[in-house]
N, C-alpha and C. Protein backbone atom coordinates (compact mmCIF):
# COMPACT_ATOMS: atom_id res chain seq x y z
N MET A 1 -14.46 8.14 -20.03
CA MET A 1 -13.76 9.09 -19.96
C MET A 1 -12.04 8.36 -19.96
N GLU A 2 -10.91 8.87 -21.01
CA GLU A 2 -10.00 8.46 -21.12
C GLU A 2 -9.42 9.73 -21.43
N ILE A 3 -8.37 10.05 -20.61
CA ILE A 3 -7.16 11.00 -20.96
C ILE A 3 -6.14 10.40 -21.13
N LYS A 4 -5.57 11.29 -22.25
CA LYS A 4 -4.09 11.18 -23.16
C LYS A 4 -3.16 12.03 -22.30
N SER A 5 -1.85 11.58 -21.62
CA SER A 5 -1.01 12.42 -20.89
C SER A 5 0.43 11.53 -20.72
N ARG A 6 1.50 12.01 -20.41
CA ARG A 6 2.73 11.39 -20.71
C ARG A 6 2.58 10.79 -18.77
N LEU A 7 1.76 11.40 -18.30
CA LEU A 7 1.43 11.12 -16.72
C LEU A 7 1.25 9.44 -16.19
N PHE A 8 0.47 9.25 -17.56
CA PHE A 8 -0.22 8.09 -17.44
C PHE A 8 0.92 6.45 -18.68
N GLU A 9 2.01 7.33 -18.97
CA GLU A 9 2.58 6.04 -19.49
C GLU A 9 2.98 4.78 -19.21
N ASN A 10 3.25 3.49 -19.20
CA ASN A 10 3.61 2.39 -18.70
C ASN A 10 2.61 2.35 -17.43
N VAL A 11 1.28 2.51 -17.50
CA VAL A 11 0.48 2.78 -16.20
C VAL A 11 -0.59 1.56 -17.09
N ASP A 12 -0.62 0.10 -16.28
CA ASP A 12 -1.87 -0.49 -16.69
C ASP A 12 -3.37 0.08 -17.38
N ALA A 13 -3.43 -0.48 -18.28
CA ALA A 13 -4.73 0.12 -19.15
C ALA A 13 -6.21 -0.37 -17.96
N GLN A 14 -5.90 -1.22 -17.46
CA GLN A 14 -7.23 -2.03 -17.07
C GLN A 14 -7.31 -0.79 -15.71
N ALA A 15 -6.18 -0.46 -15.13
CA ALA A 15 -5.96 0.20 -13.90
C ALA A 15 -6.38 1.68 -13.49
N LEU A 16 -5.87 2.27 -15.20
CA LEU A 16 -6.50 3.58 -15.49
C LEU A 16 -7.63 3.63 -15.90
N SER A 17 -8.40 2.59 -16.19
CA SER A 17 -9.86 2.69 -16.76
C SER A 17 -10.44 3.17 -15.17
N VAL A 18 -10.25 2.41 -14.20
CA VAL A 18 -10.68 2.86 -12.76
C VAL A 18 -10.63 3.87 -12.22
N LEU A 19 -9.20 4.01 -12.25
CA LEU A 19 -8.91 5.68 -11.93
C LEU A 19 -9.68 6.88 -12.93
N PHE A 20 -9.76 6.82 -14.14
CA PHE A 20 -10.73 7.51 -14.65
C PHE A 20 -12.45 7.62 -14.34
N ALA A 21 -12.37 6.27 -13.68
CA ALA A 21 -14.38 6.61 -13.87
C ALA A 21 -14.26 7.13 -12.18
N HIS A 22 -13.20 7.37 -11.55
CA HIS A 22 -13.22 8.19 -10.10
C HIS A 22 -13.00 9.45 -10.45
N MET A 23 -12.59 9.85 -11.17
CA MET A 23 -12.51 11.65 -12.09
C MET A 23 -13.48 12.04 -12.16
N GLU A 24 -13.65 13.10 -11.78
CA GLU A 24 -15.02 14.06 -12.02
C GLU A 24 -15.16 14.54 -13.41
N ARG A 25 -15.92 14.75 -14.26
CA ARG A 25 -16.42 15.56 -15.71
C ARG A 25 -17.08 16.74 -14.38
N LYS A 26 -16.50 17.96 -15.32
CA LYS A 26 -17.35 19.02 -14.67
C LYS A 26 -17.05 20.00 -15.70
N GLU A 27 -18.23 20.78 -16.33
CA GLU A 27 -18.41 21.80 -17.07
C GLU A 27 -18.07 22.98 -16.35
N VAL A 28 -17.43 23.98 -17.21
CA VAL A 28 -16.81 25.39 -16.48
C VAL A 28 -17.07 26.51 -17.12
N ALA A 29 -17.35 27.60 -17.05
CA ALA A 29 -17.96 28.36 -17.83
C ALA A 29 -16.94 29.53 -18.10
N ARG A 30 -17.29 30.59 -19.15
CA ARG A 30 -16.23 31.42 -19.24
C ARG A 30 -16.40 32.40 -17.88
N GLY A 31 -14.77 32.90 -17.59
CA GLY A 31 -14.96 33.92 -16.63
C GLY A 31 -14.78 33.22 -15.21
N GLU A 32 -14.86 31.41 -15.17
CA GLU A 32 -15.48 31.27 -13.72
C GLU A 32 -13.61 30.65 -13.19
N LYS A 33 -13.19 31.39 -12.20
CA LYS A 33 -12.06 30.80 -11.50
C LYS A 33 -11.55 29.69 -11.16
N LEU A 34 -10.92 28.68 -11.56
CA LEU A 34 -10.64 27.40 -11.18
C LEU A 34 -9.63 27.20 -9.90
N ARG A 35 -8.48 28.52 -9.74
CA ARG A 35 -7.80 28.39 -8.96
C ARG A 35 -7.29 29.74 -8.72
N LYS A 36 -7.22 29.94 -7.33
CA LYS A 36 -6.68 31.36 -7.29
C LYS A 36 -5.18 31.36 -6.30
N GLU A 37 -4.47 32.05 -6.91
CA GLU A 37 -2.87 31.91 -6.56
C GLU A 37 -2.93 31.93 -5.03
N GLY A 38 -2.56 31.15 -4.19
CA GLY A 38 -2.62 30.78 -2.58
C GLY A 38 -3.25 30.14 -2.39
N GLN A 39 -4.24 29.71 -3.01
CA GLN A 39 -5.63 29.24 -2.83
C GLN A 39 -5.39 27.30 -2.15
N THR A 40 -5.56 26.93 -1.24
CA THR A 40 -5.23 25.70 -0.57
C THR A 40 -5.98 24.85 -1.68
N CYS A 41 -5.36 23.94 -2.35
CA CYS A 41 -5.96 22.69 -3.35
C CYS A 41 -5.86 21.54 -2.59
N ASP A 42 -6.88 20.70 -3.11
CA ASP A 42 -6.76 18.96 -2.35
C ASP A 42 -7.49 18.37 -3.69
N SER A 43 -6.94 18.73 -4.77
CA SER A 43 -7.37 18.20 -6.27
C SER A 43 -6.39 18.48 -7.31
N ALA A 44 -6.25 17.77 -8.65
CA ALA A 44 -5.51 18.42 -9.56
C ALA A 44 -6.76 18.85 -10.54
N PHE A 45 -6.62 18.99 -12.12
CA PHE A 45 -7.60 18.36 -13.24
C PHE A 45 -6.68 18.78 -14.13
N PHE A 46 -7.43 18.19 -15.61
CA PHE A 46 -6.95 18.15 -16.78
C PHE A 46 -8.07 18.88 -17.36
N LEU A 47 -7.68 20.04 -18.35
CA LEU A 47 -8.73 20.80 -19.32
C LEU A 47 -9.20 19.07 -20.89
N LEU A 48 -10.07 19.33 -20.58
CA LEU A 48 -10.38 18.48 -21.50
C LEU A 48 -11.09 19.05 -22.75
N GLU A 49 -12.09 20.19 -22.55
CA GLU A 49 -12.45 21.57 -23.70
C GLU A 49 -12.26 22.50 -23.01
N GLY A 50 -12.00 23.62 -24.12
CA GLY A 50 -12.20 25.13 -23.45
C GLY A 50 -10.73 25.59 -23.55
N ALA A 51 -10.63 26.75 -22.91
CA ALA A 51 -9.61 27.36 -22.72
C ALA A 51 -9.40 27.85 -21.49
N VAL A 52 -8.32 27.95 -20.87
CA VAL A 52 -7.75 28.71 -19.45
C VAL A 52 -6.64 29.38 -19.35
N SER A 53 -6.55 31.05 -18.71
CA SER A 53 -5.80 31.89 -18.64
C SER A 53 -5.03 31.26 -17.77
N VAL A 54 -3.39 31.33 -17.51
CA VAL A 54 -2.89 30.96 -16.13
C VAL A 54 -2.07 32.76 -15.84
N THR A 55 -2.04 32.65 -14.76
CA THR A 55 -1.68 34.06 -14.30
C THR A 55 -1.07 34.03 -12.96
N LYS A 56 -0.31 34.93 -12.81
CA LYS A 56 0.78 34.82 -11.65
C LYS A 56 1.09 36.15 -11.12
N ARG A 57 1.13 36.42 -10.27
CA ARG A 57 0.70 38.20 -9.29
C ARG A 57 2.25 38.60 -9.35
N SER A 58 2.69 39.55 -9.87
CA SER A 58 3.93 40.04 -9.52
C SER A 58 3.68 41.75 -9.30
N GLY A 59 4.00 42.18 -8.22
CA GLY A 59 3.66 43.23 -7.82
C GLY A 59 2.36 43.10 -7.19
N ASP A 60 1.99 44.61 -8.21
CA ASP A 60 0.64 44.80 -7.96
C ASP A 60 -0.58 44.33 -9.38
N GLU A 61 0.22 43.58 -10.18
CA GLU A 61 -0.47 43.01 -11.31
C GLU A 61 -0.56 41.45 -11.21
N ASP A 62 -1.88 41.23 -12.06
CA ASP A 62 -1.53 39.75 -12.50
C ASP A 62 -0.82 39.86 -14.15
N VAL A 63 -0.05 38.64 -14.07
CA VAL A 63 0.29 38.34 -15.58
C VAL A 63 0.07 37.02 -15.91
N GLU A 64 0.10 37.56 -17.21
CA GLU A 64 -0.19 35.88 -17.93
C GLU A 64 0.69 35.53 -18.10
N VAL A 65 0.82 34.17 -17.81
CA VAL A 65 2.20 33.28 -18.24
C VAL A 65 1.42 32.10 -19.36
N ALA A 66 0.38 32.01 -19.39
CA ALA A 66 0.48 31.11 -20.36
C ALA A 66 -1.34 30.70 -20.88
N THR A 67 -1.55 30.23 -21.90
CA THR A 67 -2.85 30.35 -22.07
C THR A 67 -2.71 28.54 -22.64
N VAL A 68 -3.71 28.25 -22.02
CA VAL A 68 -3.98 26.46 -22.45
C VAL A 68 -5.13 26.16 -23.00
N ARG A 69 -5.12 25.35 -24.12
CA ARG A 69 -6.22 25.08 -24.79
C ARG A 69 -6.43 23.19 -24.51
N GLY A 70 -7.75 22.72 -24.38
CA GLY A 70 -8.04 21.51 -23.94
C GLY A 70 -7.85 20.53 -25.10
N GLY A 71 -7.37 19.38 -24.05
CA GLY A 71 -6.58 18.45 -25.11
C GLY A 71 -5.16 18.53 -25.24
N GLU A 72 -4.70 19.89 -24.45
CA GLU A 72 -2.78 20.00 -23.98
C GLU A 72 -2.80 18.67 -22.94
N ASP A 73 -1.21 18.16 -22.94
CA ASP A 73 -1.12 17.42 -22.00
C ASP A 73 -0.32 18.11 -21.01
N VAL A 74 -1.82 18.91 -20.40
CA VAL A 74 -1.37 19.50 -19.38
C VAL A 74 -2.19 18.77 -17.83
N CYS A 75 -1.53 18.94 -16.66
CA CYS A 75 -2.23 18.18 -15.85
C CYS A 75 -2.58 19.49 -14.28
N PHE A 76 -3.09 20.48 -14.00
CA PHE A 76 -2.85 21.65 -13.37
C PHE A 76 -3.38 20.89 -11.97
N SER A 77 -2.36 21.66 -11.17
CA SER A 77 -2.27 21.29 -9.71
C SER A 77 -1.74 20.39 -9.00
N LEU A 78 -1.10 19.72 -10.14
CA LEU A 78 -0.19 18.54 -10.10
C LEU A 78 0.00 18.17 -8.60
N THR A 79 1.02 19.37 -7.91
CA THR A 79 1.60 18.89 -6.72
C THR A 79 0.38 19.03 -5.91
N SER A 80 -1.12 19.12 -5.95
CA SER A 80 -1.88 18.98 -4.44
C SER A 80 -1.67 17.44 -4.56
N LEU A 81 -1.86 17.06 -5.75
CA LEU A 81 -1.75 15.13 -5.03
C LEU A 81 -0.77 14.74 -4.75
N ILE A 82 0.03 15.67 -4.30
CA ILE A 82 1.21 14.87 -3.61
C ILE A 82 1.41 15.55 -2.20
N ASP A 83 1.25 16.96 -1.93
CA ASP A 83 1.59 17.49 -0.60
C ASP A 83 0.31 18.33 -0.37
N GLY A 84 -1.05 18.59 -1.36
CA GLY A 84 -2.17 19.04 -1.02
C GLY A 84 -1.76 20.54 -0.47
N GLY A 85 -0.75 21.51 -1.41
CA GLY A 85 -0.56 22.38 -0.93
C GLY A 85 -0.75 23.11 -1.71
N VAL A 86 -0.91 24.80 -1.74
CA VAL A 86 -1.60 25.85 -2.36
C VAL A 86 -1.27 26.19 -3.71
N SER A 87 -2.24 26.21 -4.37
CA SER A 87 -1.85 27.11 -6.01
C SER A 87 -0.75 28.41 -6.37
N LEU A 88 0.12 27.80 -7.19
CA LEU A 88 1.08 28.72 -7.42
C LEU A 88 0.30 29.79 -8.42
N THR A 89 -0.88 29.49 -8.99
CA THR A 89 -1.15 30.52 -9.83
C THR A 89 -2.61 30.77 -9.83
N THR A 90 -3.14 31.47 -10.64
CA THR A 90 -4.40 31.64 -10.58
C THR A 90 -4.85 31.31 -12.19
N LEU A 91 -5.94 30.11 -12.05
CA LEU A 91 -6.64 29.69 -13.30
C LEU A 91 -7.88 30.12 -13.80
N SER A 92 -8.28 30.89 -15.03
CA SER A 92 -9.70 31.58 -15.33
C SER A 92 -10.09 30.86 -16.17
N VAL A 93 -11.40 30.54 -16.77
CA VAL A 93 -11.93 29.66 -17.75
C VAL A 93 -11.65 31.15 -18.78
N THR A 94 -11.32 31.26 -20.00
CA THR A 94 -11.46 31.91 -20.95
C THR A 94 -12.24 31.15 -21.99
N GLU A 95 -12.66 30.39 -22.22
CA GLU A 95 -13.52 29.65 -22.79
C GLU A 95 -14.03 28.72 -22.68
N ALA A 96 -15.21 28.45 -22.57
CA ALA A 96 -16.19 27.51 -21.53
C ALA A 96 -15.59 26.11 -22.07
N GLY A 97 -15.91 25.36 -21.26
CA GLY A 97 -15.45 23.96 -21.17
C GLY A 97 -15.48 22.89 -20.20
N ALA A 98 -14.94 21.70 -20.65
CA ALA A 98 -15.03 20.85 -19.62
C ALA A 98 -13.69 20.49 -18.69
N ILE A 99 -13.14 20.11 -17.41
CA ILE A 99 -12.42 19.28 -16.56
C ILE A 99 -12.71 18.03 -15.95
N ALA A 100 -11.47 17.43 -15.97
CA ALA A 100 -11.78 16.24 -15.08
C ALA A 100 -10.82 15.85 -14.34
N VAL A 101 -11.55 16.13 -12.75
CA VAL A 101 -10.98 16.68 -11.70
C VAL A 101 -10.62 15.14 -10.95
N LEU A 102 -9.32 15.25 -10.51
CA LEU A 102 -9.28 13.91 -9.34
C LEU A 102 -8.70 14.49 -8.08
N GLU A 103 -9.32 13.93 -7.05
CA GLU A 103 -9.36 14.49 -5.54
C GLU A 103 -8.27 14.04 -4.94
N LYS A 104 -7.94 14.06 -4.30
CA LYS A 104 -6.36 14.14 -3.19
C LYS A 104 -6.79 12.55 -2.86
N ASP A 105 -7.39 12.85 -2.21
CA ASP A 105 -8.10 11.11 -1.48
C ASP A 105 -8.46 10.21 -2.39
N VAL A 106 -8.65 10.37 -3.70
CA VAL A 106 -9.58 9.41 -4.52
C VAL A 106 -7.85 8.83 -5.50
N PHE A 107 -6.93 9.90 -5.50
CA PHE A 107 -5.68 9.54 -6.09
C PHE A 107 -5.23 8.54 -4.92
N GLU A 108 -5.04 9.13 -3.79
CA GLU A 108 -4.51 8.27 -2.51
C GLU A 108 -4.82 6.49 -2.65
N ASP A 109 -6.33 6.68 -2.26
CA ASP A 109 -6.95 5.28 -2.08
C ASP A 109 -6.50 4.37 -3.59
N PHE A 110 -6.43 5.07 -4.79
CA PHE A 110 -6.18 4.22 -6.14
C PHE A 110 -4.79 4.06 -5.76
N CYS A 111 -3.92 4.53 -5.36
CA CYS A 111 -2.58 3.91 -5.20
C CYS A 111 -2.21 2.83 -4.27
N LYS A 112 -3.29 2.88 -3.37
CA LYS A 112 -3.06 2.14 -2.52
C LYS A 112 -3.83 0.81 -2.85
N SER A 113 -4.89 1.06 -3.29
CA SER A 113 -5.81 0.04 -3.96
C SER A 113 -4.79 -1.11 -5.54
N HIS A 114 -4.33 -0.09 -6.22
CA HIS A 114 -3.99 -0.62 -7.41
C HIS A 114 -2.02 -0.15 -7.26
N ALA A 115 -1.63 -0.81 -5.94
CA ALA A 115 0.35 -0.51 -6.17
C ALA A 115 1.39 -0.67 -7.02
N ASP A 116 1.02 -1.52 -7.95
CA ASP A 116 1.84 -1.34 -8.70
C ASP A 116 1.09 -0.37 -9.90
N ALA A 117 -0.06 -0.28 -10.28
CA ALA A 117 0.12 1.31 -11.26
C ALA A 117 0.39 2.71 -10.36
N GLY A 118 0.23 2.27 -9.19
CA GLY A 118 0.22 3.46 -8.27
C GLY A 118 1.53 4.12 -8.16
N VAL A 119 2.60 2.97 -8.13
CA VAL A 119 3.95 3.32 -7.95
C VAL A 119 4.73 4.10 -9.60
N ILE A 120 4.07 3.22 -10.95
CA ILE A 120 4.40 3.81 -11.82
C ILE A 120 3.78 5.41 -11.89
N LEU A 121 2.40 5.39 -11.47
CA LEU A 121 2.09 6.51 -11.64
C LEU A 121 2.35 8.13 -10.88
N LYS A 122 2.96 7.53 -9.57
CA LYS A 122 3.87 8.43 -9.07
C LYS A 122 5.52 8.58 -9.36
N GLY A 123 5.47 7.52 -9.76
CA GLY A 123 7.00 8.00 -10.68
C GLY A 123 6.89 8.69 -11.74
N ASN A 124 6.17 8.72 -12.27
CA ASN A 124 5.64 9.75 -13.77
C ASN A 124 5.26 11.29 -13.21
N ILE A 125 4.60 11.09 -11.91
CA ILE A 125 4.35 12.80 -11.60
C ILE A 125 5.68 13.42 -11.21
N LEU A 126 6.56 12.73 -10.30
CA LEU A 126 7.90 12.71 -9.54
C LEU A 126 8.51 13.31 -10.79
N SER A 127 8.73 12.38 -11.72
CA SER A 127 9.53 12.64 -12.91
C SER A 127 8.83 14.09 -13.78
N ALA A 128 7.63 14.57 -13.87
CA ALA A 128 7.37 16.15 -14.51
C ALA A 128 7.50 16.84 -13.41
N LEU A 129 7.32 16.98 -12.18
CA LEU A 129 7.40 17.65 -11.00
C LEU A 129 9.07 17.93 -11.11
N ALA A 130 10.02 16.94 -11.26
CA ALA A 130 11.61 17.33 -11.37
C ALA A 130 11.42 18.14 -12.76
N GLY A 131 10.89 17.68 -13.76
CA GLY A 131 11.02 18.33 -14.80
C GLY A 131 10.93 20.01 -15.16
N PHE A 132 9.74 20.08 -14.45
CA PHE A 132 9.24 21.52 -13.87
C PHE A 132 10.50 22.16 -12.92
N LEU A 133 10.90 21.49 -12.05
CA LEU A 133 12.00 22.17 -11.56
C LEU A 133 13.22 22.68 -11.98
N ARG A 134 13.56 21.97 -12.73
CA ARG A 134 15.18 22.21 -13.70
C ARG A 134 14.31 23.08 -14.74
N GLN A 135 12.97 23.13 -15.03
CA GLN A 135 13.11 24.67 -16.05
C GLN A 135 12.59 25.45 -15.17
N ALA A 136 12.51 25.77 -13.75
CA ALA A 136 12.48 27.08 -13.20
C ALA A 136 13.88 27.95 -12.72
N ASP A 137 14.77 26.43 -12.18
CA ASP A 137 16.10 26.62 -12.07
C ASP A 137 16.82 27.66 -13.22
N GLY A 138 16.47 26.77 -14.25
CA GLY A 138 16.87 27.32 -15.50
C GLY A 138 16.76 29.19 -16.06
N LYS A 139 15.48 29.26 -15.54
CA LYS A 139 14.76 30.42 -15.70
C LYS A 139 15.72 31.29 -14.67
N ILE A 140 15.74 31.17 -13.33
CA ILE A 140 16.14 31.74 -12.30
C ILE A 140 17.73 32.05 -12.38
N ALA A 141 18.28 31.26 -13.08
CA ALA A 141 19.98 31.43 -13.44
C ALA A 141 20.06 32.38 -14.70
N GLU A 142 19.01 32.75 -15.92
CA GLU A 142 19.06 33.23 -16.73
C GLU A 142 19.12 34.55 -15.95
N MET A 143 17.48 34.91 -15.52
CA MET A 143 16.89 36.05 -14.35
C MET A 143 18.89 37.15 -14.12
N TYR A 144 19.15 35.77 -13.25
CA TYR A 144 20.17 36.17 -12.31
C TYR A 144 21.26 36.95 -13.18
N LYS A 145 22.01 36.39 -14.23
CA LYS A 145 22.76 36.44 -15.65
C LYS A 145 22.36 37.74 -15.90
N THR A 146 21.15 37.98 -16.18
CA THR A 146 20.41 39.26 -17.01
C THR A 146 20.93 40.33 -16.01
N LEU A 147 20.38 40.40 -14.54
CA LEU A 147 20.40 41.29 -13.68
C LEU A 147 21.93 41.57 -13.37
N GLU A 148 22.90 40.53 -13.19
CA GLU A 148 24.46 40.82 -13.40
C GLU A 148 24.50 41.98 -14.32
N GLU A 149 24.05 41.57 -15.53
CA GLU A 149 24.77 42.57 -16.62
C GLU A 149 24.20 43.61 -16.27
N VAL A 150 22.84 43.83 -16.36
CA VAL A 150 22.45 45.81 -16.17
C VAL A 150 23.07 46.30 -15.08
N LEU A 151 23.52 45.36 -13.42
CA LEU A 151 24.44 45.77 -12.88
C LEU A 151 25.23 46.07 -12.91
């Protein structure tokens, strides 16, 4: 298995082949819930094939915030590799396919046994998470400005 992602930029190809060999490919069925908002996560995954709907709870309803198709450069539950936290969204399979799962303990063992690659990989993850944080901050600023205009 090989996965193309910005997360793997500048990581040694041999080390990546070891990491990919430790990832589990799992078939997923339409209607399957891969994550539920608030659920504790101890793994991340890439969508290889199929499609996933991403929803966020807002008041009494779930709001679809994105639909992701297999092959897009998206790592779901990326933060769980760092902190083993909870899922921020609900992820539901809308088109059967396959995912590649990376368990947190496998990721940690890889980073210890392949220290150079692990440092680069963790740096790439931190850069991705910082980008998400900046985007969220921008959206909050826009919502605050809109709220001020309305009030």
